[in-house]
PDB file of N, CA and C in Angstrom:
ATOM      1  N   MET A   1      12.340  19.656   4.257  1.00  0.00           N
ATOM      2  CA  MET A   1      10.927  19.382   4.424  1.00  0.00           C
ATOM      3  C   MET A   1      10.686  18.914   5.855  1.00  0.00           C
ATOM      4  N   GLY A   2       9.757  19.542   6.517  1.00  0.00           N
ATOM      5  CA  GLY A   2       9.423  19.179   7.880  1.00  0.00           C
ATOM      6  C   GLY A   2       8.257  18.191   7.939  1.00  0.00           C
ATOM      7  N   TRP A   3       7.894  17.876   9.129  1.00  0.00           N
ATOM      8  CA  TRP A   3       6.754  16.970   9.325  1.00  0.00           C
ATOM      9  C   TRP A   3       5.698  17.675  10.151  1.00  0.00           C
ATOM     10  N   PRO A   4       4.484  17.605   9.866  1.00  0.00           N
ATOM     11  CA  PRO A   4       3.892  16.935   8.716  1.00  0.00           C
ATOM     12  C   PRO A   4       4.148  17.722   7.437  1.00  0.00           C
ATOM     13  N   PRO A   5       4.016  17.044   6.291  1.00  0.00           N
ATOM     14  CA  PRO A   5       4.211  17.761   5.027  1.00  0.00           C
ATOM     15  C   PRO A   5       3.115  18.794   4.842  1.00  0.00           C
ATOM     16  N   ARG A   6       3.376  19.738   3.953  1.00  0.00           N
ATOM     17  CA  ARG A   6       2.399  20.824   3.708  1.00  0.00           C
ATOM     18  C   ARG A   6       1.837  20.692   2.290  1.00  0.00           C
ATOM     19  N   VAL A   7       0.643  21.246   2.132  1.00  0.00           N
ATOM     20  CA  VAL A   7       0.041  21.322   0.805  1.00  0.00           C
ATOM     21  C   VAL A   7       1.023  21.968  -0.153  1.00  0.00           C
ATOM     22  N   GLY A   8       1.180  21.385  -1.333  1.00  0.00           N
ATOM     23  CA  GLY A   8       2.094  21.909  -2.328  1.00  0.00           C
ATOM     24  C   GLY A   8       3.423  21.230  -2.339  1.00  0.00           C
ATOM     25  N   GLU A   9       3.815  20.531  -1.265  1.00  0.00           N
ATOM     26  CA  GLU A   9       5.042  19.790  -1.213  1.00  0.00           C
ATOM     27  C   GLU A   9       4.824  18.435  -1.861  1.00  0.00           C
ATOM     28  N   LEU A  10       5.935  17.777  -2.207  1.00  0.00           N
ATOM     29  CA  LEU A  10       5.860  16.405  -2.736  1.00  0.00           C
ATOM     30  C   LEU A  10       5.678  15.434  -1.566  1.00  0.00           C
ATOM     31  N   LEU A  11       5.118  14.275  -1.890  1.00  0.00           N
ATOM     32  CA  LEU A  11       4.909  13.243  -0.883  1.00  0.00           C
ATOM     33  C   LEU A  11       6.243  12.768  -0.337  1.00  0.00           C
ATOM     34  N   PRO A  12       6.473  12.884   0.974  1.00  0.00           N
ATOM     35  CA  PRO A  12       7.733  12.405   1.530  1.00  0.00           C
ATOM     36  C   PRO A  12       7.881  10.896   1.319  1.00  0.00           C
ATOM     37  N   ARG A  13       9.069  10.464   0.981  1.00  0.00           N
ATOM     38  CA  ARG A  13       9.408   9.060   0.829  1.00  0.00           C
ATOM     39  C   ARG A  13       8.560   8.338  -0.223  1.00  0.00           C
ATOM     40  N   ALA A  14       8.087   9.048  -1.217  1.00  0.00           N
ATOM     41  CA  ALA A  14       7.257   8.446  -2.263  1.00  0.00           C
ATOM     42  C   ALA A  14       7.977   7.302  -2.965  1.00  0.00           C
ATOM     43  N   GLU A  15       9.281   7.413  -3.077  1.00  0.00           N
ATOM     44  CA  GLU A  15      10.049   6.375  -3.738  1.00  0.00           C
ATOM     45  C   GLU A  15      10.058   5.046  -2.968  1.00  0.00           C
ATOM     46  N   GLU A  16       9.612   5.078  -1.728  1.00  0.00           N
ATOM     47  CA  GLU A  16       9.534   3.881  -0.912  1.00  0.00           C
ATOM     48  C   GLU A  16       8.136   3.234  -0.905  1.00  0.00           C
ATOM     49  N   ALA A  17       7.249   3.691  -1.747  1.00  0.00           N
ATOM     50  CA  ALA A  17       5.894   3.161  -1.807  1.00  0.00           C
ATOM     51  C   ALA A  17       5.908   1.666  -2.058  1.00  0.00           C
ATOM     52  N   ILE A  18       5.088   0.958  -1.322  1.00  0.00           N
ATOM     53  CA  ILE A  18       4.986  -0.493  -1.508  1.00  0.00           C
ATOM     54  C   ILE A  18       3.517  -0.886  -1.622  1.00  0.00           C
ATOM     55  N   GLY A  19       3.289  -2.053  -2.160  1.00  0.00           N
ATOM     56  CA  GLY A  19       1.935  -2.596  -2.198  1.00  0.00           C
ATOM     57  C   GLY A  19       1.073  -2.171  -3.375  1.00  0.00           C
ATOM     58  N   VAL A  20       1.577  -1.276  -4.225  1.00  0.00           N
ATOM     59  CA  VAL A  20       0.758  -0.782  -5.336  1.00  0.00           C
ATOM     60  C   VAL A  20       0.400  -1.941  -6.280  1.00  0.00           C
ATOM     61  N   ARG A  21       1.390  -2.698  -6.709  1.00  0.00           N
ATOM     62  CA  ARG A  21       1.156  -3.802  -7.646  1.00  0.00           C
ATOM     63  C   ARG A  21       0.238  -4.830  -7.023  1.00  0.00           C
ATOM     64  N   TYR A  22       0.449  -5.192  -5.774  1.00  0.00           N
ATOM     65  CA  TYR A  22      -0.367  -6.174  -5.090  1.00  0.00           C
ATOM     66  C   TYR A  22      -1.826  -5.754  -5.039  1.00  0.00           C
ATOM     67  N   LYS A  23      -2.067  -4.510  -4.659  1.00  0.00           N
ATOM     68  CA  LYS A  23      -3.469  -4.039  -4.555  1.00  0.00           C
ATOM     69  C   LYS A  23      -4.132  -3.973  -5.918  1.00  0.00           C
ATOM     70  N   LEU A  24      -3.411  -3.541  -6.937  1.00  0.00           N
ATOM     71  CA  LEU A  24      -3.966  -3.540  -8.277  1.00  0.00           C
ATOM     72  C   LEU A  24      -4.338  -4.940  -8.727  1.00  0.00           C
ATOM     73  N   ALA A  25      -3.395  -5.884  -8.551  1.00  0.00           N
ATOM     74  CA  ALA A  25      -3.586  -7.242  -9.034  1.00  0.00           C
ATOM     75  C   ALA A  25      -4.668  -8.009  -8.279  1.00  0.00           C
ATOM     76  N   THR A  26      -4.738  -7.813  -6.967  1.00  0.00           N
ATOM     77  CA  THR A  26      -5.653  -8.623  -6.173  1.00  0.00           C
ATOM     78  C   THR A  26      -6.981  -7.929  -5.898  1.00  0.00           C
ATOM     79  N   TYR A  27      -7.088  -6.645  -6.185  1.00  0.00           N
ATOM     80  CA  TYR A  27      -8.303  -5.909  -5.830  1.00  0.00           C
ATOM     81  C   TYR A  27      -8.806  -5.010  -6.966  1.00  0.00           C
ATOM     82  N   SER A  28      -8.097  -3.949  -7.249  1.00  0.00           N
ATOM     83  CA  SER A  28      -8.606  -2.935  -8.169  1.00  0.00           C
ATOM     84  C   SER A  28      -8.796  -3.386  -9.604  1.00  0.00           C
ATOM     85  N   LEU A  29      -7.962  -4.298 -10.093  1.00  0.00           N
ATOM     86  CA  LEU A  29      -8.078  -4.787 -11.457  1.00  0.00           C
ATOM     87  C   LEU A  29      -8.573  -6.214 -11.501  1.00  0.00           C
ATOM     88  N   ASN A  30      -8.991  -6.766 -10.378  1.00  0.00           N
ATOM     89  CA  ASN A  30      -9.420  -8.159 -10.283  1.00  0.00           C
ATOM     90  C   ASN A  30     -10.923  -8.237 -10.514  1.00  0.00           C
ATOM     91  N   ALA A  31     -11.322  -8.661 -11.709  1.00  0.00           N
ATOM     92  CA  ALA A  31     -12.719  -8.736 -12.091  1.00  0.00           C
ATOM     93  C   ALA A  31     -13.527  -9.752 -11.317  1.00  0.00           C
ATOM     94  N   SER A  32     -12.826 -10.656 -10.593  1.00  0.00           N
ATOM     95  CA  SER A  32     -13.563 -11.658  -9.815  1.00  0.00           C
ATOM     96  C   SER A  32     -13.540 -11.382  -8.319  1.00  0.00           C
ATOM     97  N   HIS A  33     -12.972 -10.253  -7.900  1.00  0.00           N
ATOM     98  CA  HIS A  33     -12.954  -9.918  -6.473  1.00  0.00           C
ATOM     99  C   HIS A  33     -14.353  -9.490  -6.025  1.00  0.00           C
ATOM    100  N   LYS A  34     -14.744  -9.946  -4.833  1.00  0.00           N
ATOM    101  CA  LYS A  34     -16.097  -9.679  -4.326  1.00  0.00           C
ATOM    102  C   LYS A  34     -16.425  -8.170  -4.320  1.00  0.00           C
ATOM    103  N   ARG A  35     -15.526  -7.353  -3.798  1.00  0.00           N
ATOM    104  CA  ARG A  35     -15.807  -5.918  -3.727  1.00  0.00           C
ATOM    105  C   ARG A  35     -15.062  -5.117  -4.796  1.00  0.00           C
ATOM    106  N   GLY A  36     -13.930  -5.645  -5.283  1.00  0.00           N
ATOM    107  CA  GLY A  36     -13.116  -4.904  -6.253  1.00  0.00           C
ATOM    108  C   GLY A  36     -13.596  -5.032  -7.672  1.00  0.00           C
ATOM    109  N   SER A  37     -14.489  -5.983  -7.934  1.00  0.00           N
ATOM    110  CA  SER A  37     -14.895  -6.202  -9.336  1.00  0.00           C
ATOM    111  C   SER A  37     -15.526  -4.973  -9.985  1.00  0.00           C
ATOM    112  N   SER A  38     -16.269  -4.193  -9.207  1.00  0.00           N
ATOM    113  CA  SER A  38     -16.867  -2.972  -9.810  1.00  0.00           C
ATOM    114  C   SER A  38     -15.797  -1.980 -10.208  1.00  0.00           C
ATOM    115  N   LYS A  39     -14.735  -1.912  -9.439  1.00  0.00           N
ATOM    116  CA  LYS A  39     -13.617  -1.035  -9.784  1.00  0.00           C
ATOM    117  C   LYS A  39     -12.941  -1.541 -11.065  1.00  0.00           C
ATOM    118  N   ALA A  40     -12.726  -2.849 -11.126  1.00  0.00           N
ATOM    119  CA  ALA A  40     -12.114  -3.452 -12.300  1.00  0.00           C
ATOM    120  C   ALA A  40     -12.946  -3.167 -13.557  1.00  0.00           C
ATOM    121  N   ARG A  41     -14.267  -3.278 -13.450  1.00  0.00           N
ATOM    122  CA  ARG A  41     -15.143  -2.983 -14.578  1.00  0.00           C
ATOM    123  C   ARG A  41     -15.043  -1.508 -14.969  1.00  0.00           C
ATOM    124  N   GLY A  42     -14.949  -0.631 -13.975  1.00  0.00           N
ATOM    125  CA  GLY A  42     -14.798   0.809 -14.248  1.00  0.00           C
ATOM    126  C   GLY A  42     -13.495   1.098 -14.968  1.00  0.00           C
ATOM    127  N   PHE A  43     -12.402   0.539 -14.479  1.00  0.00           N
ATOM    128  CA  PHE A  43     -11.116   0.729 -15.157  1.00  0.00           C
ATOM    129  C   PHE A  43     -11.182   0.271 -16.603  1.00  0.00           C
ATOM    130  N   ALA A  44     -11.806  -0.897 -16.826  1.00  0.00           N
ATOM    131  CA  ALA A  44     -11.878  -1.465 -18.168  1.00  0.00           C
ATOM    132  C   ALA A  44     -12.781  -0.649 -19.078  1.00  0.00           C
ATOM    133  N   THR A  45     -13.957  -0.296 -18.584  1.00  0.00           N
ATOM    134  CA  THR A  45     -14.958   0.416 -19.396  1.00  0.00           C
ATOM    135  C   THR A  45     -14.558   1.865 -19.681  1.00  0.00           C
ATOM    136  N   ILE A  46     -14.116   2.563 -18.649  1.00  0.00           N
ATOM    137  CA  ILE A  46     -13.832   3.994 -18.785  1.00  0.00           C
ATOM    138  C   ILE A  46     -12.461   4.265 -19.334  1.00  0.00           C
ATOM    139  N   LEU A  47     -11.454   3.498 -18.868  1.00  0.00           N
ATOM    140  CA  LEU A  47     -10.071   3.775 -19.246  1.00  0.00           C
ATOM    141  C   LEU A  47      -9.440   2.742 -20.184  1.00  0.00           C
ATOM    142  N   GLY A  48     -10.129   1.600 -20.378  1.00  0.00           N
ATOM    143  CA  GLY A  48      -9.537   0.545 -21.195  1.00  0.00           C
ATOM    144  C   GLY A  48      -8.378  -0.176 -20.520  1.00  0.00           C
ATOM    145  N   ILE A  49      -8.339  -0.081 -19.182  1.00  0.00           N
ATOM    146  CA  ILE A  49      -7.256  -0.685 -18.424  1.00  0.00           C
ATOM    147  C   ILE A  49      -7.762  -1.965 -17.758  1.00  0.00           C
ATOM    148  N   THR A  50      -7.093  -3.076 -18.065  1.00  0.00           N
ATOM    149  CA  THR A  50      -7.443  -4.379 -17.492  1.00  0.00           C
ATOM    150  C   THR A  50      -6.225  -4.948 -16.766  1.00  0.00           C
ATOM    151  N   ILE A  51      -6.361  -6.129 -16.231  1.00  0.00           N
ATOM    152  CA  ILE A  51      -5.238  -6.790 -15.561  1.00  0.00           C
ATOM    153  C   ILE A  51      -4.046  -6.911 -16.489  1.00  0.00           C
ATOM    154  N   ASP A  52      -4.289  -6.970 -17.786  1.00  0.00           N
ATOM    155  CA  ASP A  52      -3.208  -7.030 -18.771  1.00  0.00           C
ATOM    156  C   ASP A  52      -2.373  -5.753 -18.774  1.00  0.00           C
ATOM    157  N   SER A  53      -2.924  -4.672 -18.217  1.00  0.00           N
ATOM    158  CA  SER A  53      -2.255  -3.372 -18.177  1.00  0.00           C
ATOM    159  C   SER A  53      -1.575  -3.117 -16.835  1.00  0.00           C
ATOM    160  N   LEU A  54      -1.430  -4.170 -16.027  1.00  0.00           N
ATOM    161  CA  LEU A  54      -0.894  -4.046 -14.682  1.00  0.00           C
ATOM    162  C   LEU A  54       0.437  -3.334 -14.636  1.00  0.00           C
ATOM    163  N   ASP A  55       1.392  -3.737 -15.442  1.00  0.00           N
ATOM    164  CA  ASP A  55       2.711  -3.087 -15.445  1.00  0.00           C
ATOM    165  C   ASP A  55       2.620  -1.602 -15.766  1.00  0.00           C
ATOM    166  N   TYR A  56       1.812  -1.275 -16.790  1.00  0.00           N
ATOM    167  CA  TYR A  56       1.645   0.128 -17.186  1.00  0.00           C
ATOM    168  C   TYR A  56       1.044   0.958 -16.040  1.00  0.00           C
ATOM    169  N   LEU A  57      -0.051   0.476 -15.449  1.00  0.00           N
ATOM    170  CA  LEU A  57      -0.727   1.247 -14.412  1.00  0.00           C
ATOM    171  C   LEU A  57       0.143   1.388 -13.186  1.00  0.00           C
ATOM    172  N   GLU A  58       0.865   0.344 -12.798  1.00  0.00           N
ATOM    173  CA  GLU A  58       1.775   0.441 -11.653  1.00  0.00           C
ATOM    174  C   GLU A  58       2.826   1.534 -11.884  1.00  0.00           C
ATOM    175  N   ARG A  59       3.439   1.533 -13.079  1.00  0.00           N
ATOM    176  CA  ARG A  59       4.458   2.553 -13.394  1.00  0.00           C
ATOM    177  C   ARG A  59       3.870   3.948 -13.335  1.00  0.00           C
ATOM    178  N   GLN A  60       2.668   4.129 -13.860  1.00  0.00           N
ATOM    179  CA  GLN A  60       2.035   5.443 -13.875  1.00  0.00           C
ATOM    180  C   GLN A  60       1.727   5.958 -12.462  1.00  0.00           C
ATOM    181  N   ILE A  61       1.233   5.072 -11.635  1.00  0.00           N
ATOM    182  CA  ILE A  61       0.928   5.450 -10.227  1.00  0.00           C
ATOM    183  C   ILE A  61       2.195   5.826  -9.502  1.00  0.00           C
ATOM    184  N   LEU A  62       3.223   4.976  -9.591  1.00  0.00           N
ATOM    185  CA  LEU A  62       4.488   5.266  -8.901  1.00  0.00           C
ATOM    186  C   LEU A  62       5.130   6.553  -9.398  1.00  0.00           C
ATOM    187  N   ALA A  63       5.033   6.812 -10.699  1.00  0.00           N
ATOM    188  CA  ALA A  63       5.595   8.055 -11.240  1.00  0.00           C
ATOM    189  C   ALA A  63       4.761   9.247 -10.727  1.00  0.00           C
ATOM    190  N   GLY A  64       3.473   9.101 -10.701  1.00  0.00           N
ATOM    191  CA  GLY A  64       2.593  10.172 -10.286  1.00  0.00           C
ATOM    192  C   GLY A  64       2.768  10.583  -8.832  1.00  0.00           C
ATOM    193  N   ILE A  65       2.955   9.597  -7.942  1.00  0.00           N
ATOM    194  CA  ILE A  65       3.104   9.975  -6.531  1.00  0.00           C
ATOM    195  C   ILE A  65       4.445  10.616  -6.249  1.00  0.00           C
ATOM    196  N   SER A  66       5.388  10.442  -7.154  1.00  0.00           N
ATOM    197  CA  SER A  66       6.699  11.064  -7.001  1.00  0.00           C
ATOM    198  C   SER A  66       6.738  12.489  -7.543  1.00  0.00           C
ATOM    199  N   GLU A  67       5.765  12.815  -8.407  1.00  0.00           N
ATOM    200  CA  GLU A  67       5.799  14.114  -9.094  1.00  0.00           C
ATOM    201  C   GLU A  67       4.672  15.071  -8.696  1.00  0.00           C
ATOM    202  N   ALA A  68       3.577  14.551  -8.196  1.00  0.00           N
ATOM    203  CA  ALA A  68       2.395  15.396  -7.935  1.00  0.00           C
ATOM    204  C   ALA A  68       2.465  15.988  -6.529  1.00  0.00           C
ATOM    205  N   PRO A  69       2.258  17.313  -6.412  1.00  0.00           N
ATOM    206  CA  PRO A  69       2.249  17.928  -5.090  1.00  0.00           C
ATOM    207  C   PRO A  69       1.001  17.527  -4.288  1.00  0.00           C
ATOM    208  N   LEU A  70       1.156  17.540  -2.988  1.00  0.00           N
ATOM    209  CA  LEU A  70       0.026  17.222  -2.107  1.00  0.00           C
ATOM    210  C   LEU A  70      -1.079  18.270  -2.267  1.00  0.00           C
ATOM    211  N   MET A  71      -2.282  17.810  -2.345  1.00  0.00           N
ATOM    212  CA  MET A  71      -3.436  18.722  -2.473  1.00  0.00           C
ATOM    213  C   MET A  71      -4.093  18.957  -1.122  1.00  0.00           C
ATOM    214  N   ALA A  72      -3.887  18.039  -0.165  1.00  0.00           N
ATOM    215  CA  ALA A  72      -4.464  18.174   1.158  1.00  0.00           C
ATOM    216  C   ALA A  72      -3.649  17.335   2.110  1.00  0.00           C
ATOM    217  N   VAL A  73      -3.662  17.734   3.375  1.00  0.00           N
ATOM    218  CA  VAL A  73      -2.994  16.958   4.425  1.00  0.00           C
ATOM    219  C   VAL A  73      -3.961  16.838   5.591  1.00  0.00           C
ATOM    220  N   ARG A  74      -4.174  15.636   6.060  1.00  0.00           N
ATOM    221  CA  ARG A  74      -5.038  15.438   7.205  1.00  0.00           C
ATOM    222  C   ARG A  74      -4.235  14.884   8.378  1.00  0.00           C
ATOM    223  N   PRO A  75      -4.686  15.125   9.587  1.00  0.00           N
ATOM    224  CA  PRO A  75      -3.921  14.639  10.744  1.00  0.00           C
ATOM    225  C   PRO A  75      -3.970  13.121  10.836  1.00  0.00           C
ATOM    226  N   ASN A  76      -2.878  12.550  11.365  1.00  0.00           N
ATOM    227  CA  ASN A  76      -2.837  11.124  11.623  1.00  0.00           C
ATOM    228  C   ASN A  76      -3.748  10.784  12.785  1.00  0.00           C
ATOM    229  N   ARG A  77      -4.406   9.641  12.702  1.00  0.00           N
ATOM    230  CA  ARG A  77      -5.163   9.149  13.843  1.00  0.00           C
ATOM    231  C   ARG A  77      -4.182   8.393  14.718  1.00  0.00           C
ATOM    232  N   SER A  78      -4.440   8.362  15.998  1.00  0.00           N
ATOM    233  CA  SER A  78      -3.480   7.761  16.910  1.00  0.00           C
ATOM    234  C   SER A  78      -3.284   6.269  16.650  1.00  0.00           C
ATOM    235  N   PHE A  79      -4.288   5.572  16.112  1.00  0.00           N
ATOM    236  CA  PHE A  79      -4.171   4.151  15.902  1.00  0.00           C
ATOM    237  C   PHE A  79      -4.341   3.778  14.433  1.00  0.00           C
ATOM    238  N   GLY A  80      -4.212   4.723  13.533  1.00  0.00           N
ATOM    239  CA  GLY A  80      -4.393   4.464  12.121  1.00  0.00           C
ATOM    240  C   GLY A  80      -5.857   4.456  11.763  1.00  0.00           C
ATOM    241  N   ALA A  81      -6.136   4.305  10.496  1.00  0.00           N
ATOM    242  CA  ALA A  81      -7.523   4.269  10.031  1.00  0.00           C
ATOM    243  C   ALA A  81      -7.870   2.850   9.635  1.00  0.00           C
ATOM    244  N   GLY A  82      -9.035   2.380  10.017  1.00  0.00           N
ATOM    245  CA  GLY A  82      -9.504   1.073   9.646  1.00  0.00           C
ATOM    246  C   GLY A  82     -10.388   1.210   8.415  1.00  0.00           C
ATOM    247  N   ARG A  83     -11.182   0.191   8.169  1.00  0.00           N
ATOM    248  CA  ARG A  83     -12.121   0.236   7.035  1.00  0.00           C
ATOM    249  C   ARG A  83     -13.045   1.428   7.193  1.00  0.00           C
ATOM    250  N   CYS A  84     -13.342   2.037   6.102  1.00  0.00           N
ATOM    251  CA  CYS A  84     -14.260   3.190   6.084  1.00  0.00           C
ATOM    252  C   CYS A  84     -13.754   4.361   6.917  1.00  0.00           C
ATOM    253  N   GLY A  85     -12.443   4.432   7.162  1.00  0.00           N
ATOM    254  CA  GLY A  85     -11.889   5.540   7.902  1.00  0.00           C
ATOM    255  C   GLY A  85     -12.084   5.479   9.399  1.00  0.00           C
ATOM    256  N   ARG A  86     -12.651   4.377   9.902  1.00  0.00           N
ATOM    257  CA  ARG A  86     -12.839   4.259  11.330  1.00  0.00           C
ATOM    258  C   ARG A  86     -11.533   3.819  11.984  1.00  0.00           C
ATOM    259  N   PRO A  87     -11.200   4.345  13.160  1.00  0.00           N
ATOM    260  CA  PRO A  87      -9.940   3.954  13.821  1.00  0.00           C
ATOM    261  C   PRO A  87      -9.959   2.469  14.179  1.00  0.00           C
ATOM    262  N   HIS A  88      -8.768   1.859  14.148  1.00  0.00           N
ATOM    263  CA  HIS A  88      -8.633   0.472  14.609  1.00  0.00           C
ATOM    264  C   HIS A  88      -8.818   0.448  16.124  1.00  0.00           C
ATOM    265  N   ARG A  89      -9.317  -0.612  16.624  1.00  0.00           N
ATOM    266  CA  ARG A  89      -9.455  -0.776  18.074  1.00  0.00           C
ATOM    267  C   ARG A  89      -8.752  -1.996  18.544  1.00  0.00           C
TER     268      ARG A  89
END
């Protein structure tokens, strides 16, 4: 597999993914987070997934990124992406 990866290939180094549990616990499933609470409500209402499902959802995400082929590849920005996709300065 070369770099950059191509559509249809698996995500390179997916097994090294970090931060999934932290982001779920502190943001996506956190019903009291200032901006994440709407996501937490959506997970609960639509999927029945709450903070109590943290272990399950983390396992599913990590399994999925190891098995699902890339659907799109976009170029790296020279300084990474900031909030809302804007480059860091």
